[in-house]
């Protein structure tokens, strides 16, 4: 309808942080969540698509870390 604006809420993607913040020196990935420092710092300002892409990499990263976190 003219004059009306439909507001579609953005998809909320929660942070994968588990409050176990230690960076593995060999990989640069957090032992808790699997993200690197740039991803952690950019999380709040990143787009939903970017955050989703990062989330999709985390299971393999954590497996590579032997999930030591």
PDB file of N, CA and C in Angstrom:
ATOM      1  N   UNK A   1       0.832  -1.176   0.000  1.00  0.00           N
ATOM      2  CA  UNK A   1       0.000   0.000   0.000  1.00  0.00           C
ATOM      3  C   UNK A   1       0.882   1.247   0.000  1.00  0.00           C
ATOM      4  N   UNK A   2       0.491   2.244  -0.745  1.00  0.00           N
ATOM      5  CA  UNK A   2       1.262   3.490  -0.746  1.00  0.00           C
ATOM      6  C   UNK A   2       1.247   4.123   0.648  1.00  0.00           C
ATOM      7  N   UNK A   3       2.379   4.667   1.030  1.00  0.00           N
ATOM      8  CA  UNK A   3       2.462   5.338   2.321  1.00  0.00           C
ATOM      9  C   UNK A   3       2.837   4.432   3.479  1.00  0.00           C
ATOM     10  N   UNK A   4       2.906   3.141   3.243  1.00  0.00           N
ATOM     11  CA  UNK A   4       3.274   2.214   4.306  1.00  0.00           C
ATOM     12  C   UNK A   4       4.637   1.615   4.016  1.00  0.00           C
ATOM     13  N   UNK A   5       5.391   1.410   5.054  1.00  0.00           N
ATOM     14  CA  UNK A   5       6.701   0.793   4.928  1.00  0.00           C
ATOM     15  C   UNK A   5       6.677  -0.506   5.721  1.00  0.00           C
ATOM     16  N   UNK A   6       7.091  -1.553   5.097  1.00  0.00           N
ATOM     17  CA  UNK A   6       7.178  -2.830   5.791  1.00  0.00           C
ATOM     18  C   UNK A   6       8.589  -2.972   6.333  1.00  0.00           C
ATOM     19  N   UNK A   7       8.681  -3.179   7.620  1.00  0.00           N
ATOM     20  CA  UNK A   7       9.979  -3.354   8.260  1.00  0.00           C
ATOM     21  C   UNK A   7      10.205  -4.838   8.477  1.00  0.00           C
ATOM     22  N   UNK A   8      11.285  -5.311   7.908  1.00  0.00           N
ATOM     23  CA  UNK A   8      11.648  -6.714   8.057  1.00  0.00           C
ATOM     24  C   UNK A   8      12.844  -6.765   8.993  1.00  0.00           C
ATOM     25  N   UNK A   9      12.694  -7.421  10.148  1.00  0.00           N
ATOM     26  CA  UNK A   9      13.811  -7.451  11.086  1.00  0.00           C
ATOM     27  C   UNK A   9      14.998  -8.214  10.511  1.00  0.00           C
ATOM     28  N   UNK A  10      16.195  -7.726  10.824  1.00  0.00           N
ATOM     29  CA  UNK A  10      17.408  -8.406  10.385  1.00  0.00           C
ATOM     30  C   UNK A  10      17.523  -9.737  11.129  1.00  0.00           C
ATOM     31  N   UNK A  11      18.118 -10.694  10.466  1.00  0.00           N
ATOM     32  CA  UNK A  11      18.333 -11.981  11.101  1.00  0.00           C
ATOM     33  C   UNK A  11      19.388 -11.799  12.188  1.00  0.00           C
ATOM     34  N   UNK A  12      19.051 -12.171  13.382  1.00  0.00           N
ATOM     35  CA  UNK A  12      19.987 -12.040  14.498  1.00  0.00           C
ATOM     36  C   UNK A  12      20.824 -13.306  14.574  1.00  0.00           C
ATOM     37  N   UNK A  13      22.127 -13.132  14.538  1.00  0.00           N
ATOM     38  CA  UNK A  13      23.037 -14.254  14.660  1.00  0.00           C
ATOM     39  C   UNK A  13      23.833 -14.031  15.929  1.00  0.00           C
ATOM     40  N   UNK A  14      23.642 -14.913  16.882  1.00  0.00           N
ATOM     41  CA  UNK A  14      24.327 -14.795  18.161  1.00  0.00           C
ATOM     42  C   UNK A  14      25.816 -15.031  17.997  1.00  0.00           C
ATOM     43  N   UNK A  15      26.579 -14.458  18.874  1.00  0.00           N
ATOM     44  CA  UNK A  15      28.023 -14.665  18.884  1.00  0.00           C
ATOM     45  C   UNK A  15      28.321 -16.101  19.312  1.00  0.00           C
ATOM     46  N   UNK A  16      29.317 -16.723  18.693  1.00  0.00           N
ATOM     47  CA  UNK A  16      29.698 -18.079  19.097  1.00  0.00           C
ATOM     48  C   UNK A  16      30.594 -18.093  20.332  1.00  0.00           C
ATOM     49  N   UNK A  17      30.836 -16.937  20.941  1.00  0.00           N
ATOM     50  CA  UNK A  17      31.714 -16.844  22.103  1.00  0.00           C
ATOM     51  C   UNK A  17      31.196 -17.721  23.234  1.00  0.00           C
ATOM     52  N   UNK A  18      32.114 -18.473  23.835  1.00  0.00           N
ATOM     53  CA  UNK A  18      31.765 -19.329  24.975  1.00  0.00           C
ATOM     54  C   UNK A  18      32.560 -18.919  26.222  1.00  0.00           C
ATOM     55  N   UNK A  19      33.113 -17.695  26.179  1.00  0.00           N
ATOM     56  CA  UNK A  19      33.872 -17.137  27.301  1.00  0.00           C
ATOM     57  C   UNK A  19      35.078 -17.987  27.699  1.00  0.00           C
ATOM     58  N   UNK A  20      35.688 -18.622  26.724  1.00  0.00           N
ATOM     59  CA  UNK A  20      36.958 -19.324  26.896  1.00  0.00           C
ATOM     60  C   UNK A  20      37.907 -18.687  25.895  1.00  0.00           C
ATOM     61  N   UNK A  21      38.403 -17.525  26.244  1.00  0.00           N
ATOM     62  CA  UNK A  21      39.136 -16.706  25.282  1.00  0.00           C
ATOM     63  C   UNK A  21      40.641 -16.907  25.412  1.00  0.00           C
ATOM     64  N   UNK A  22      41.159 -17.796  24.587  1.00  0.00           N
ATOM     65  CA  UNK A  22      42.599 -18.035  24.490  1.00  0.00           C
ATOM     66  C   UNK A  22      42.915 -18.249  23.023  1.00  0.00           C
ATOM     67  N   UNK A  23      43.895 -17.545  22.528  1.00  0.00           N
ATOM     68  CA  UNK A  23      44.263 -17.670  21.123  1.00  0.00           C
ATOM     69  C   UNK A  23      45.364 -18.709  20.973  1.00  0.00           C
ATOM     70  N   UNK A  24      45.126 -19.675  20.095  1.00  0.00           N
ATOM     71  CA  UNK A  24      46.127 -20.696  19.795  1.00  0.00           C
ATOM     72  C   UNK A  24      47.233 -20.036  18.975  1.00  0.00           C
ATOM     73  N   UNK A  25      48.484 -20.060  19.452  1.00  0.00           N
ATOM     74  CA  UNK A  25      49.543 -19.366  18.723  1.00  0.00           C
ATOM     75  C   UNK A  25      49.837 -19.970  17.348  1.00  0.00           C
ATOM     76  N   UNK A  26      49.587 -21.232  17.172  1.00  0.00           N
ATOM     77  CA  UNK A  26      49.882 -21.882  15.887  1.00  0.00           C
ATOM     78  C   UNK A  26      48.885 -21.496  14.805  1.00  0.00           C
ATOM     79  N   UNK A  27      47.608 -21.361  15.166  1.00  0.00           N
ATOM     80  CA  UNK A  27      46.566 -21.095  14.164  1.00  0.00           C
ATOM     81  C   UNK A  27      46.033 -19.674  14.205  1.00  0.00           C
ATOM     82  N   UNK A  28      46.122 -19.020  15.365  1.00  0.00           N
ATOM     83  CA  UNK A  28      45.521 -17.699  15.536  1.00  0.00           C
ATOM     84  C   UNK A  28      44.038 -17.776  15.848  1.00  0.00           C
ATOM     85  N   UNK A  29      43.530 -18.972  16.109  1.00  0.00           N
ATOM     86  CA  UNK A  29      42.105 -19.164  16.412  1.00  0.00           C
ATOM     87  C   UNK A  29      41.887 -19.251  17.908  1.00  0.00           C
ATOM     88  N   UNK A  30      40.750 -18.731  18.352  1.00  0.00           N
ATOM     89  CA  UNK A  30      40.370 -18.821  19.751  1.00  0.00           C
ATOM     90  C   UNK A  30      40.074 -20.283  20.088  1.00  0.00           C
ATOM     91  N   UNK A  31      40.612 -20.749  21.217  1.00  0.00           N
ATOM     92  CA  UNK A  31      40.369 -22.134  21.621  1.00  0.00           C
ATOM     93  C   UNK A  31      38.911 -22.357  22.023  1.00  0.00           C
ATOM     94  N   UNK A  32      38.212 -21.305  22.384  1.00  0.00           N
ATOM     95  CA  UNK A  32      36.814 -21.449  22.780  1.00  0.00           C
ATOM     96  C   UNK A  32      35.851 -21.458  21.610  1.00  0.00           C
ATOM     97  N   UNK A  33      35.941 -20.433  20.760  1.00  0.00           N
ATOM     98  CA  UNK A  33      34.937 -20.291  19.694  1.00  0.00           C
ATOM     99  C   UNK A  33      35.461 -20.608  18.297  1.00  0.00           C
ATOM    100  N   UNK A  34      36.782 -20.601  18.119  1.00  0.00           N
ATOM    101  CA  UNK A  34      37.350 -20.925  16.814  1.00  0.00           C
ATOM    102  C   UNK A  34      37.579 -19.730  15.899  1.00  0.00           C
ATOM    103  N   UNK A  35      37.173 -18.536  16.330  1.00  0.00           N
ATOM    104  CA  UNK A  35      37.368 -17.356  15.485  1.00  0.00           C
ATOM    105  C   UNK A  35      38.772 -16.788  15.662  1.00  0.00           C
ATOM    106  N   UNK A  36      39.225 -16.008  14.662  1.00  0.00           N
ATOM    107  CA  UNK A  36      40.496 -15.310  14.810  1.00  0.00           C
ATOM    108  C   UNK A  36      40.221 -13.916  15.377  1.00  0.00           C
ATOM    109  N   UNK A  37      41.274 -13.200  15.710  1.00  0.00           N
ATOM    110  CA  UNK A  37      41.097 -11.893  16.358  1.00  0.00           C
ATOM    111  C   UNK A  37      40.345 -10.892  15.486  1.00  0.00           C
ATOM    112  N   UNK A  38      40.586 -10.900  14.180  1.00  0.00           N
ATOM    113  CA  UNK A  38      39.856  -9.989  13.294  1.00  0.00           C
ATOM    114  C   UNK A  38      38.364 -10.303  13.291  1.00  0.00           C
ATOM    115  N   UNK A  39      38.027 -11.584  13.273  1.00  0.00           N
ATOM    116  CA  UNK A  39      36.611 -11.984  13.284  1.00  0.00           C
ATOM    117  C   UNK A  39      35.951 -11.614  14.606  1.00  0.00           C
ATOM    118  N   UNK A  40      36.655 -11.794  15.695  1.00  0.00           N
ATOM    119  CA  UNK A  40      36.113 -11.435  17.006  1.00  0.00           C
ATOM    120  C   UNK A  40      35.857  -9.930  17.068  1.00  0.00           C
ATOM    121  N   UNK A  41      36.839  -9.148  16.640  1.00  0.00           N
ATOM    122  CA  UNK A  41      36.720  -7.689  16.694  1.00  0.00           C
ATOM    123  C   UNK A  41      35.635  -7.159  15.765  1.00  0.00           C
ATOM    124  N   UNK A  42      35.412  -7.824  14.640  1.00  0.00           N
ATOM    125  CA  UNK A  42      34.453  -7.350  13.637  1.00  0.00           C
ATOM    126  C   UNK A  42      33.055  -7.927  13.802  1.00  0.00           C
ATOM    127  N   UNK A  43      32.854  -8.812  14.760  1.00  0.00           N
ATOM    128  CA  UNK A  43      31.594  -9.544  14.861  1.00  0.00           C
ATOM    129  C   UNK A  43      30.383  -8.615  14.950  1.00  0.00           C
ATOM    130  N   UNK A  44      30.427  -7.638  15.828  1.00  0.00           N
ATOM    131  CA  UNK A  44      29.260  -6.779  16.043  1.00  0.00           C
ATOM    132  C   UNK A  44      28.916  -5.939  14.815  1.00  0.00           C
ATOM    133  N   UNK A  45      29.915  -5.564  14.031  1.00  0.00           N
ATOM    134  CA  UNK A  45      29.661  -4.710  12.874  1.00  0.00           C
ATOM    135  C   UNK A  45      29.527  -5.492  11.571  1.00  0.00           C
ATOM    136  N   UNK A  46      29.767  -6.793  11.606  1.00  0.00           N
ATOM    137  CA  UNK A  46      29.689  -7.600  10.390  1.00  0.00           C
ATOM    138  C   UNK A  46      28.256  -7.828   9.931  1.00  0.00           C
ATOM    139  N   UNK A  47      28.100  -8.078   8.651  1.00  0.00           N
ATOM    140  CA  UNK A  47      26.759  -8.357   8.116  1.00  0.00           C
ATOM    141  C   UNK A  47      26.321  -9.758   8.546  1.00  0.00           C
ATOM    142  N   UNK A  48      25.043 -10.004   8.472  1.00  0.00           N
ATOM    143  CA  UNK A  48      24.524 -11.329   8.799  1.00  0.00           C
ATOM    144  C   UNK A  48      25.139 -12.394   7.898  1.00  0.00           C
ATOM    145  N   UNK A  49      25.300 -12.074   6.614  1.00  0.00           N
ATOM    146  CA  UNK A  49      25.884 -13.033   5.671  1.00  0.00           C
ATOM    147  C   UNK A  49      27.331 -13.352   6.045  1.00  0.00           C
ATOM    148  N   UNK A  50      28.089 -12.329   6.414  1.00  0.00           N
ATOM    149  CA  UNK A  50      29.479 -12.545   6.815  1.00  0.00           C
ATOM    150  C   UNK A  50      29.551 -13.387   8.092  1.00  0.00           C
ATOM    151  N   UNK A  51      28.718 -13.053   9.089  1.00  0.00           N
ATOM    152  CA  UNK A  51      28.717 -13.824  10.344  1.00  0.00           C
ATOM    153  C   UNK A  51      28.334 -15.277  10.085  1.00  0.00           C
ATOM    154  N   UNK A  52      27.347 -15.499   9.225  1.00  0.00           N
ATOM    155  CA  UNK A  52      26.940 -16.862   8.896  1.00  0.00           C
ATOM    156  C   UNK A  52      28.086 -17.618   8.230  1.00  0.00           C
ATOM    157  N   UNK A  53      28.810 -16.949   7.338  1.00  0.00           N
ATOM    158  CA  UNK A  53      29.950 -17.578   6.670  1.00  0.00           C
ATOM    159  C   UNK A  53      31.031 -17.958   7.682  1.00  0.00           C
ATOM    160  N   UNK A  54      31.286 -17.063   8.640  1.00  0.00           N
ATOM    161  CA  UNK A  54      32.272 -17.378   9.681  1.00  0.00           C
ATOM    162  C   UNK A  54      31.796 -18.574  10.500  1.00  0.00           C
ATOM    163  N   UNK A  55      30.532 -18.564  10.901  1.00  0.00           N
ATOM    164  CA  UNK A  55      29.990 -19.677  11.699  1.00  0.00           C
ATOM    165  C   UNK A  55      30.169 -21.021  11.004  1.00  0.00           C
ATOM    166  N   UNK A  56      30.015 -21.019   9.691  1.00  0.00           N
ATOM    167  CA  UNK A  56      30.128 -22.266   8.940  1.00  0.00           C
ATOM    168  C   UNK A  56      31.547 -22.827   8.946  1.00  0.00           C
ATOM    169  N   UNK A  57      32.554 -21.979   9.184  1.00  0.00           N
ATOM    170  CA  UNK A  57      33.939 -22.456   9.231  1.00  0.00           C
ATOM    171  C   UNK A  57      34.325 -23.002  10.605  1.00  0.00           C
ATOM    172  N   UNK A  58      33.572 -22.662  11.630  1.00  0.00           N
ATOM    173  CA  UNK A  58      33.999 -22.958  12.993  1.00  0.00           C
ATOM    174  C   UNK A  58      34.058 -24.440  13.352  1.00  0.00           C
ATOM    175  N   UNK A  59      33.126 -25.286  12.940  1.00  0.00           N
ATOM    176  CA  UNK A  59      33.254 -26.702  13.305  1.00  0.00           C
ATOM    177  C   UNK A  59      34.566 -27.332  12.813  1.00  0.00           C
ATOM    178  N   UNK A  60      34.968 -27.020  11.603  1.00  0.00           N
ATOM    179  CA  UNK A  60      36.219 -27.573  11.075  1.00  0.00           C
ATOM    180  C   UNK A  60      37.417 -27.003  11.828  1.00  0.00           C
ATOM    181  N   UNK A  61      37.360 -25.723  12.148  1.00  0.00           N
ATOM    182  CA  UNK A  61      38.461 -25.120  12.900  1.00  0.00           C
ATOM    183  C   UNK A  61      38.589 -25.770  14.273  1.00  0.00           C
ATOM    184  N   UNK A  62      37.457 -25.924  14.979  1.00  0.00           N
ATOM    185  CA  UNK A  62      37.504 -26.518  16.306  1.00  0.00           C
ATOM    186  C   UNK A  62      38.006 -27.959  16.242  1.00  0.00           C
ATOM    187  N   UNK A  63      37.620 -28.669  15.193  1.00  0.00           N
ATOM    188  CA  UNK A  63      38.125 -30.035  15.018  1.00  0.00           C
ATOM    189  C   UNK A  63      39.640 -30.009  14.808  1.00  0.00           C
ATOM    190  N   UNK A  64      40.119 -29.018  14.054  1.00  0.00           N
ATOM    191  CA  UNK A  64      41.550 -28.874  13.820  1.00  0.00           C
ATOM    192  C   UNK A  64      42.310 -28.535  15.091  1.00  0.00           C
ATOM    193  N   UNK A  65      41.639 -27.887  16.024  1.00  0.00           N
ATOM    194  CA  UNK A  65      42.252 -27.558  17.298  1.00  0.00           C
ATOM    195  C   UNK A  65      42.172 -28.730  18.275  1.00  0.00           C
ATOM    196  N   UNK A  66      41.456 -29.795  17.861  1.00  0.00           N
ATOM    197  CA  UNK A  66      41.222 -30.886  18.793  1.00  0.00           C
ATOM    198  C   UNK A  66      40.283 -30.448  19.898  1.00  0.00           C
ATOM    199  N   UNK A  67      39.547 -29.371  19.616  1.00  0.00           N
ATOM    200  CA  UNK A  67      38.643 -28.704  20.563  1.00  0.00           C
ATOM    201  C   UNK A  67      39.232 -28.692  21.966  1.00  0.00           C
ATOM    202  N   UNK A  68      40.385 -28.029  22.067  1.00  0.00           N
ATOM    203  CA  UNK A  68      41.098 -27.913  23.335  1.00  0.00           C
ATOM    204  C   UNK A  68      40.489 -26.872  24.245  1.00  0.00           C
ATOM    205  N   UNK A  69      39.497 -26.131  23.776  1.00  0.00           N
ATOM    206  CA  UNK A  69      38.898 -25.060  24.563  1.00  0.00           C
ATOM    207  C   UNK A  69      37.915 -25.540  25.593  1.00  0.00           C
TER     208      UNK A  69
END
